[in-house]
């Protein structure tokens, strides 16, 4: 079972919930895996303190043009839907930041003047953490394409046999390509939001992606609850979205988070609540959207 913990915006407490769920599940029977797919800013490792035993470079294939063989016909630029290659008089330009490594340009070149070479864009680290398997991806500084690193992270979990148990994925925030890549293949989406107008706005977008586009059973956790929910609960009722937990705005929770102390370790009384949340998530993943 794959549980994707996601959010429409950053700063909602997505990693707090993902690590708490993983640690709660890890205390029970069966194999639990935590994947940190927020590859531009992975920080779940700060909470679970893994011991890494595997490091793997993530590469993406990039086109290289042999200018002596190139006809400058522009066919490569015509087939590139990402505009990562441009043919100008006497030169063909490749924009690595835009390239998705699909290989279309090399296949379309009538002179076979384009070959592909691997280029490192990030890396994976994997190991054990507090009784569970853990892996995260890291996108290299200045790289633009996060999705290949996320895809490699999920492929590694499959290769390692971790898919036989419970897999909790800490997704990137937002609704762009990295978030969609992390959500794809999940059995359900748990969206973490906050009771503000910004939280409500971005929750709507996240619901559109997770439930309406990807067709995932979707539930909500509301974090930083103060009493004024800015319409978040009303929206969830209208959309038939289960609110599985509400976490209060408390200074001591923020202080524990800032020191990298997991919620259920700092506040053992929340262990039972997290166990109920985990059960609710697993039930929804099995039966689908209510």
Foldseek 3Di string as FASTA:
>chain_A
DEEEQAAADPDLCSLLLLLLLQLLVLVDDWAEEEEELQQADGDNCLQQVFDWDDKFFQKAKDKDFDLVQAPLPQQLCVPDPQSQWGRDPSDIHGNVLRDPRPCPSCVRGPRSRIDIDIDTFWMKTWGDTNRHTYMYIHGDPPRNDSLSRSVVRVVVCVVVVVVVTYYYYSFHHRQDDRRLSSLPPGLAYEYRFELDPVRQVSVVVVCCRGCVPRNHAYAYEYEQDDPRRNCNVVVCVVVQHHHLYYYHNDPVQVVCVVSSHRPCRSPVVCSVSSVSSSVVSVVCSVPDHD
